[in-house]
Amino acid sequence: MPRIKVSSPDQFLFSMERSVGISDVNYAKHLDSVAMVNILHEARLQFLASLGFTESNIYGLGMVVTDLAVDYRSESFANDRLIVDVGVSKFNRYGFDIGMQVTNSALEALVCIAKMGVVFFDFDRHKIAQVPPAFKALLGQPESHAA
């Protein structure tokens, strides 16, 4: 069966540290895949907070996750310290990809590489919205003139 291919962004803009808690491990005594998804979600929210935003208010718009891919590479266990590096890529009219790389700091081992596709959303109108130009500028992305 073919595996998904997830690549890291060219540059990381934010880093978060998180311990693996007892409730994050499964019956095999390693970090559970669902717990990793929650850690990745937390990293996205902390990345937005570092820019002064919440997922419900980015220049008046919200952010919705449209897809998520995780390529698991190694195990982690309770009390391991994880470093989650976050970057952005593949901007389009309505959103972009948030790329993440999770490393076990004690072992200096890559735990996973992940990609979240996100779009901007106007919750009042219940419609997808274009990426705010000020947001792109804040992240050093060129303004596109494509329709």
Protein backbone atom coordinates (compact mmCIF):
# COMPACT_ATOMS: atom_id res chain seq x y z
CA MET A 1 0.00 0.00 0.00
CA PRO A 2 1.45 3.41 -0.93
CA ARG A 3 2.20 5.78 1.94
CA ILE A 4 1.36 9.47 1.96
CA LYS A 5 4.24 11.87 1.39
CA VAL A 6 4.45 14.78 3.82
CA SER A 7 7.28 17.28 3.60
CA SER A 8 8.43 19.93 6.03
CA PRO A 9 8.15 23.61 5.10
CA ASP A 10 11.30 25.39 3.90
CA GLN A 11 11.37 27.54 7.04
CA PHE A 12 9.95 27.25 10.54
CA LEU A 13 8.34 30.35 12.04
CA PHE A 14 7.37 29.08 15.49
CA SER A 15 8.42 26.41 17.96
CA MET A 16 6.51 24.88 20.87
CA GLU A 17 7.67 22.46 23.55
CA ARG A 18 5.32 19.90 25.08
CA SER A 19 5.75 16.94 27.44
CA VAL A 20 4.07 13.65 26.64
CA GLY A 21 1.58 13.11 29.44
CA ILE A 22 0.39 9.83 30.92
CA SER A 23 -3.01 10.39 29.27
CA ASP A 24 -1.24 10.75 25.88
CA VAL A 25 -0.01 7.14 25.84
CA ASN A 26 -1.94 4.08 24.69
CA TYR A 27 -2.06 0.40 25.66
CA ALA A 28 1.36 -0.15 24.00
CA LYS A 29 2.75 2.53 26.36
CA HIS A 30 3.75 4.91 23.57
CA LEU A 31 2.31 8.21 22.34
CA ASP A 32 -1.13 7.59 20.88
CA SER A 33 -1.87 8.79 17.33
CA VAL A 34 -5.00 10.64 18.48
CA ALA A 35 -2.98 12.41 21.19
CA MET A 36 -0.51 13.50 18.49
CA VAL A 37 -3.36 15.06 16.50
CA ASN A 38 -4.33 17.02 19.63
CA ILE A 39 -0.72 18.15 20.08
CA LEU A 40 -0.60 19.33 16.45
CA HIS A 41 -3.87 21.21 16.96
CA GLU A 42 -2.41 22.90 20.06
CA ALA A 43 0.70 23.88 18.09
CA ARG A 44 -1.48 25.50 15.40
CA LEU A 45 -3.38 27.49 18.04
CA GLN A 46 -0.17 28.57 19.80
CA PHE A 47 1.34 29.57 16.44
CA LEU A 48 -1.69 31.79 15.77
CA ALA A 49 -1.49 33.20 19.32
CA SER A 50 2.18 34.08 18.74
CA LEU A 51 0.96 36.25 15.85
CA GLY A 52 -1.76 37.83 18.02
CA PHE A 53 -4.71 35.84 16.66
CA THR A 54 -7.17 33.12 17.62
CA GLU A 55 -8.62 30.62 15.17
CA SER A 56 -11.93 32.49 15.37
CA ASN A 57 -10.50 35.97 14.75
CA ILE A 58 -7.82 36.56 12.16
CA TYR A 59 -8.54 40.02 10.80
CA GLY A 60 -12.24 39.28 11.46
CA LEU A 61 -12.24 35.85 9.84
CA GLY A 62 -12.00 32.35 11.23
CA MET A 63 -9.72 29.48 10.25
CA VAL A 64 -10.98 25.98 9.47
CA VAL A 65 -8.86 22.85 9.05
CA THR A 66 -9.70 21.16 5.73
CA ASP A 67 -7.27 18.25 5.80
CA LEU A 68 -4.60 16.69 7.96
CA ALA A 69 -1.82 14.25 7.10
CA VAL A 70 0.63 12.80 9.61
CA ASP A 71 3.67 10.72 8.71
CA TYR A 72 4.71 8.98 11.93
CA ARG A 73 8.42 8.11 12.12
CA SER A 74 9.25 7.00 15.69
CA GLU A 75 7.76 6.36 19.10
CA SER A 76 7.57 8.67 22.09
CA PHE A 77 6.77 7.75 25.66
CA ALA A 78 5.40 9.38 28.81
CA ASN A 79 7.49 12.34 30.01
CA ASP A 80 9.36 12.73 26.69
CA ARG A 81 9.84 16.37 25.70
CA LEU A 82 8.57 17.09 22.20
CA ILE A 83 9.59 20.08 20.11
CA VAL A 84 6.98 21.06 17.53
CA ASP A 85 8.31 23.36 14.79
CA VAL A 86 5.69 25.13 12.68
CA GLY A 87 5.91 26.75 9.24
CA VAL A 88 3.65 27.70 6.35
CA SER A 89 3.58 26.94 2.64
CA LYS A 90 1.42 26.60 -0.47
CA PHE A 91 -0.71 29.70 -0.10
CA ASN A 92 -3.71 29.83 -2.41
CA ARG A 93 -6.69 32.14 -2.75
CA TYR A 94 -8.48 30.85 0.35
CA GLY A 95 -5.85 29.27 2.56
CA PHE A 96 -2.49 27.59 2.93
CA ASP A 97 -0.72 24.62 4.47
CA ILE A 98 0.65 24.60 7.99
CA GLY A 99 3.62 22.25 8.15
CA MET A 100 4.89 20.77 11.39
CA GLN A 101 7.87 18.71 12.43
CA VAL A 102 7.82 16.98 15.82
CA THR A 103 11.11 15.95 17.42
CA ASN A 104 11.79 14.05 20.64
CA SER A 105 14.32 16.42 22.24
CA ALA A 106 16.02 13.83 24.46
CA LEU A 107 16.63 11.38 21.64
CA GLU A 108 16.94 14.02 18.89
CA ALA A 109 14.66 11.72 16.89
CA LEU A 110 12.04 12.79 14.39
CA VAL A 111 8.66 11.64 15.74
CA CYS A 112 6.47 12.82 12.84
CA ILE A 113 6.02 15.27 10.02
CA ALA A 114 2.52 16.69 9.56
CA LYS A 115 0.61 18.98 7.23
CA MET A 116 -2.66 20.77 7.94
CA GLY A 117 -4.56 22.43 5.14
CA VAL A 118 -6.50 25.46 6.38
CA VAL A 119 -8.89 27.95 4.83
CA PHE A 120 -10.28 31.26 6.01
CA PHE A 121 -13.96 31.28 6.83
CA ASP A 122 -16.52 34.02 7.45
CA PHE A 123 -18.60 32.49 10.24
CA ASP A 124 -21.28 35.23 10.01
CA ARG A 125 -21.94 34.46 6.34
CA HIS A 126 -21.07 30.74 6.57
CA LYS A 127 -18.79 31.08 3.56
CA ILE A 128 -15.19 30.47 2.70
CA ALA A 129 -13.18 33.72 2.48
CA GLN A 130 -10.02 34.88 0.78
CA VAL A 131 -6.74 35.03 2.69
CA PRO A 132 -6.47 38.52 4.19
CA PRO A 133 -3.63 40.37 2.42
CA ALA A 134 -2.37 41.65 5.80
CA PHE A 135 -2.02 38.05 7.02
CA LYS A 136 0.04 37.08 3.98
CA ALA A 137 2.21 40.17 4.46
CA LEU A 138 2.71 39.34 8.15
CA LEU A 139 4.08 35.92 7.16
CA GLY A 140 6.27 37.36 4.41
CA GLN A 141 4.21 35.89 1.58
CA PRO A 142 4.05 37.78 -1.73
CA GLU A 143 0.69 39.17 -2.77
CA SER A 144 -0.67 37.19 -5.71
CA HIS A 145 -2.65 38.83 -8.43
CA ALA A 146 -4.27 35.63 -9.73
CA ALA A 147 -8.04 35.51 -9.93
